[in-house]
Amino acid sequence: MHVSIPVTARLDENTVDAVDRAVDAGLAANRGSVVAAAVAEWLARHGEDAITASYQRRYEQPDDTHDALVASLSSFSVAACLAQPAR
């Protein structure tokens, strides 16, 4: 059993008019169902699975520029540490 929780949201007049027209046209049962569908869609796009997939797409191809930068910074860091006088 799903319990719905009332949530207050402020929408501009044009958006509310569009939602009301959609409800009047039978595309949705009521304003709440439109808002609930919009939130569900947003969560599907921005949920953990979507974020994970985004990272996987971003890093599935090697980035030579990034790899070269990391190697250069690593070399510099090691050199800087070795150049420090012993304490």
N, C-alpha and C. Protein backbone atom coordinates (compact mmCIF):
# COMPACT_ATOMS: atom_id res chain seq x y z
N MET A 1 0.83 -1.17 0.00
CA MET A 1 0.00 0.00 0.00
C MET A 1 0.88 1.25 0.00
N HIS A 2 0.66 2.14 -0.95
CA HIS A 2 1.41 3.39 -1.03
C HIS A 2 0.62 4.50 -0.36
N VAL A 3 1.28 5.20 0.54
CA VAL A 3 0.67 6.33 1.20
C VAL A 3 1.18 7.59 0.51
N SER A 4 0.28 8.45 0.10
CA SER A 4 0.73 9.69 -0.53
C SER A 4 0.88 10.76 0.54
N ILE A 5 1.88 11.59 0.35
CA ILE A 5 2.17 12.66 1.29
C ILE A 5 1.98 13.98 0.56
N PRO A 6 1.17 14.88 1.10
CA PRO A 6 0.99 16.17 0.44
C PRO A 6 2.29 16.96 0.40
N VAL A 7 2.57 17.56 -0.73
CA VAL A 7 3.76 18.39 -0.91
C VAL A 7 3.31 19.69 -1.55
N THR A 8 3.74 20.79 -0.99
CA THR A 8 3.39 22.09 -1.54
C THR A 8 4.43 22.49 -2.57
N ALA A 9 3.97 22.95 -3.72
CA ALA A 9 4.87 23.43 -4.77
C ALA A 9 4.28 24.69 -5.37
N ARG A 10 5.14 25.59 -5.76
CA ARG A 10 4.69 26.82 -6.42
C ARG A 10 5.07 26.74 -7.89
N LEU A 11 4.06 26.93 -8.74
CA LEU A 11 4.27 26.91 -10.18
C LEU A 11 3.74 28.22 -10.75
N ASP A 12 4.36 28.65 -11.84
CA ASP A 12 3.86 29.90 -12.43
C ASP A 12 2.50 29.66 -13.08
N GLU A 13 1.79 30.74 -13.30
CA GLU A 13 0.41 30.67 -13.79
C GLU A 13 0.30 29.95 -15.13
N ASN A 14 1.24 30.19 -16.03
CA ASN A 14 1.20 29.52 -17.34
C ASN A 14 1.34 28.01 -17.21
N THR A 15 2.18 27.57 -16.29
CA THR A 15 2.37 26.14 -16.08
C THR A 15 1.10 25.52 -15.52
N VAL A 16 0.50 26.17 -14.54
CA VAL A 16 -0.75 25.66 -13.96
C VAL A 16 -1.85 25.62 -15.01
N ASP A 17 -1.93 26.65 -15.84
CA ASP A 17 -2.93 26.66 -16.92
C ASP A 17 -2.71 25.48 -17.86
N ALA A 18 -1.46 25.21 -18.20
CA ALA A 18 -1.16 24.09 -19.10
C ALA A 18 -1.53 22.76 -18.45
N VAL A 19 -1.24 22.61 -17.16
CA VAL A 19 -1.59 21.39 -16.44
C VAL A 19 -3.11 21.23 -16.41
N ASP A 20 -3.81 22.31 -16.13
CA ASP A 20 -5.28 22.25 -16.10
C ASP A 20 -5.85 21.87 -17.47
N ARG A 21 -5.27 22.39 -18.53
CA ARG A 21 -5.73 22.03 -19.89
C ARG A 21 -5.49 20.54 -20.15
N ALA A 22 -4.36 20.03 -19.69
CA ALA A 22 -4.06 18.61 -19.86
C ALA A 22 -5.07 17.75 -19.11
N VAL A 23 -5.41 18.17 -17.89
CA VAL A 23 -6.41 17.45 -17.10
C VAL A 23 -7.77 17.53 -17.78
N ASP A 24 -8.14 18.72 -18.23
CA ASP A 24 -9.43 18.89 -18.91
C ASP A 24 -9.52 18.05 -20.18
N ALA A 25 -8.37 17.86 -20.84
CA ALA A 25 -8.35 17.07 -22.07
C ALA A 25 -8.32 15.56 -21.79
N GLY A 26 -8.24 15.19 -20.51
CA GLY A 26 -8.24 13.78 -20.16
C GLY A 26 -6.87 13.13 -20.21
N LEU A 27 -5.82 13.93 -20.32
CA LEU A 27 -4.46 13.39 -20.36
C LEU A 27 -3.96 12.98 -18.98
N ALA A 28 -4.60 13.49 -17.95
CA ALA A 28 -4.24 13.15 -16.58
C ALA A 28 -5.48 13.24 -15.71
N ALA A 29 -5.48 12.53 -14.62
CA ALA A 29 -6.65 12.50 -13.73
C ALA A 29 -6.82 13.82 -12.97
N ASN A 30 -5.69 14.41 -12.58
CA ASN A 30 -5.74 15.65 -11.80
C ASN A 30 -4.35 16.29 -11.78
N ARG A 31 -4.28 17.48 -11.19
CA ARG A 31 -2.98 18.18 -11.11
C ARG A 31 -1.93 17.33 -10.41
N GLY A 32 -2.33 16.71 -9.32
CA GLY A 32 -1.38 15.91 -8.54
C GLY A 32 -0.75 14.80 -9.34
N SER A 33 -1.54 14.16 -10.21
CA SER A 33 -0.97 13.06 -11.00
C SER A 33 0.04 13.58 -12.01
N VAL A 34 -0.17 14.79 -12.52
CA VAL A 34 0.80 15.40 -13.45
C VAL A 34 2.10 15.69 -12.71
N VAL A 35 1.98 16.30 -11.55
CA VAL A 35 3.17 16.63 -10.77
C VAL A 35 3.90 15.34 -10.34
N ALA A 36 3.15 14.34 -9.91
CA ALA A 36 3.77 13.07 -9.50
C ALA A 36 4.51 12.42 -10.67
N ALA A 37 3.92 12.45 -11.87
CA ALA A 37 4.58 11.88 -13.04
C ALA A 37 5.85 12.66 -13.38
N ALA A 38 5.79 14.00 -13.27
CA ALA A 38 6.97 14.82 -13.55
C ALA A 38 8.10 14.52 -12.57
N VAL A 39 7.76 14.38 -11.30
CA VAL A 39 8.77 14.08 -10.28
C VAL A 39 9.36 12.69 -10.52
N ALA A 40 8.51 11.72 -10.84
CA ALA A 40 9.01 10.36 -11.11
C ALA A 40 9.96 10.36 -12.30
N GLU A 41 9.63 11.11 -13.35
CA GLU A 41 10.51 11.19 -14.52
C GLU A 41 11.83 11.85 -14.15
N TRP A 42 11.77 12.93 -13.38
CA TRP A 42 12.99 13.62 -12.96
C TRP A 42 13.88 12.69 -12.14
N LEU A 43 13.27 11.95 -11.20
CA LEU A 43 14.05 11.03 -10.38
C LEU A 43 14.66 9.91 -11.21
N ALA A 44 13.94 9.45 -12.22
CA ALA A 44 14.49 8.40 -13.10
C ALA A 44 15.71 8.92 -13.84
N ARG A 45 15.68 10.18 -14.22
CA ARG A 45 16.82 10.77 -14.95
C ARG A 45 17.98 11.12 -14.03
N HIS A 46 17.70 11.39 -12.78
CA HIS A 46 18.74 11.87 -11.87
C HIS A 46 18.98 10.96 -10.67
N GLY A 47 18.42 9.77 -10.69
CA GLY A 47 18.61 8.83 -9.59
C GLY A 47 19.98 8.18 -9.64
N GLU A 48 20.27 7.33 -8.68
CA GLU A 48 21.57 6.66 -8.59
C GLU A 48 21.93 5.90 -9.86
N ASP A 49 20.96 5.18 -10.42
CA ASP A 49 21.25 4.40 -11.63
C ASP A 49 21.64 5.32 -12.78
N ALA A 50 20.94 6.44 -12.91
CA ALA A 50 21.24 7.38 -13.99
C ALA A 50 22.61 8.02 -13.78
N ILE A 51 22.94 8.35 -12.54
CA ILE A 51 24.24 8.93 -12.24
C ILE A 51 25.35 7.94 -12.54
N THR A 52 25.16 6.69 -12.12
CA THR A 52 26.14 5.64 -12.39
C THR A 52 26.34 5.45 -13.89
N ALA A 53 25.24 5.40 -14.63
CA ALA A 53 25.33 5.24 -16.08
C ALA A 53 26.05 6.43 -16.71
N SER A 54 25.82 7.62 -16.21
CA SER A 54 26.48 8.81 -16.73
C SER A 54 28.00 8.72 -16.53
N TYR A 55 28.43 8.30 -15.34
CA TYR A 55 29.86 8.14 -15.09
C TYR A 55 30.45 7.05 -15.98
N GLN A 56 29.72 5.96 -16.16
CA GLN A 56 30.22 4.88 -17.00
C GLN A 56 30.40 5.35 -18.43
N ARG A 57 29.42 6.12 -18.95
CA ARG A 57 29.55 6.65 -20.31
C ARG A 57 30.74 7.60 -20.41
N ARG A 58 30.91 8.42 -19.39
CA ARG A 58 31.98 9.43 -19.41
C ARG A 58 33.36 8.80 -19.41
N TYR A 59 33.54 7.73 -18.66
CA TYR A 59 34.87 7.16 -18.49
C TYR A 59 35.09 5.85 -19.23
N GLU A 60 34.16 5.45 -20.10
CA GLU A 60 34.38 4.19 -20.80
C GLU A 60 35.45 4.32 -21.88
N GLN A 61 35.68 5.53 -22.37
CA GLN A 61 36.73 5.78 -23.35
C GLN A 61 37.91 6.46 -22.64
N PRO A 62 39.13 6.00 -22.88
CA PRO A 62 40.29 6.63 -22.23
C PRO A 62 40.42 8.10 -22.65
N ASP A 63 40.86 8.91 -21.73
CA ASP A 63 41.11 10.33 -22.01
C ASP A 63 42.60 10.57 -21.88
N ASP A 64 43.29 10.58 -23.01
CA ASP A 64 44.76 10.69 -23.02
C ASP A 64 45.23 11.99 -22.35
N THR A 65 44.51 13.09 -22.57
CA THR A 65 44.89 14.37 -21.98
C THR A 65 44.83 14.29 -20.46
N HIS A 66 43.74 13.70 -19.96
CA HIS A 66 43.59 13.55 -18.50
C HIS A 66 44.68 12.65 -17.95
N ASP A 67 44.92 11.52 -18.61
CA ASP A 67 45.92 10.57 -18.14
C ASP A 67 47.31 11.21 -18.11
N ALA A 68 47.64 12.02 -19.14
CA ALA A 68 48.94 12.69 -19.20
C ALA A 68 49.06 13.71 -18.07
N LEU A 69 47.99 14.44 -17.80
CA LEU A 69 48.00 15.42 -16.72
C LEU A 69 48.21 14.74 -15.37
N VAL A 70 47.50 13.65 -15.13
CA VAL A 70 47.66 12.92 -13.86
C VAL A 70 49.09 12.40 -13.73
N ALA A 71 49.65 11.87 -14.80
CA ALA A 71 51.03 11.36 -14.75
C ALA A 71 52.01 12.49 -14.46
N SER A 72 51.80 13.64 -15.08
CA SER A 72 52.68 14.79 -14.87
C SER A 72 52.59 15.28 -13.43
N LEU A 73 51.38 15.39 -12.92
CA LEU A 73 51.21 15.83 -11.53
C LEU A 73 51.82 14.83 -10.55
N SER A 74 51.69 13.55 -10.85
CA SER A 74 52.27 12.53 -9.98
C SER A 74 53.79 12.65 -9.95
N SER A 75 54.38 12.83 -11.13
CA SER A 75 55.84 12.98 -11.21
C SER A 75 56.30 14.21 -10.46
N PHE A 76 55.59 15.31 -10.63
CA PHE A 76 55.94 16.55 -9.93
C PHE A 76 55.85 16.36 -8.43
N SER A 77 54.79 15.70 -7.98
CA SER A 77 54.60 15.49 -6.54
C SER A 77 55.72 14.65 -5.95
N VAL A 78 56.12 13.60 -6.64
CA VAL A 78 57.20 12.75 -6.15
C VAL A 78 58.51 13.55 -6.12
N ALA A 79 58.77 14.31 -7.19
CA ALA A 79 59.98 15.11 -7.26
C ALA A 79 60.01 16.16 -6.14
N ALA A 80 58.87 16.78 -5.88
CA ALA A 80 58.78 17.79 -4.83
C ALA A 80 59.04 17.17 -3.46
N CYS A 81 58.53 15.98 -3.24
CA CYS A 81 58.75 15.30 -1.97
C CYS A 81 60.22 14.92 -1.79
N LEU A 82 60.86 14.46 -2.85
CA LEU A 82 62.26 14.05 -2.78
C LEU A 82 63.18 15.25 -2.62
N ALA A 83 62.76 16.41 -3.08
CA ALA A 83 63.59 17.61 -3.00
C ALA A 83 63.58 18.23 -1.61
N GLN A 84 62.65 17.82 -0.76
CA GLN A 84 62.55 18.38 0.59
C GLN A 84 63.73 17.89 1.42
N PRO A 85 64.34 18.78 2.21
CA PRO A 85 65.44 18.35 3.08
C PRO A 85 64.93 17.37 4.14
N ALA A 86 65.76 16.44 4.50
CA ALA A 86 65.40 15.46 5.53
C ALA A 86 65.23 16.16 6.87
N ARG A 87 64.29 15.72 7.65
CA ARG A 87 64.08 16.32 8.97
C ARG A 87 64.66 15.50 10.05
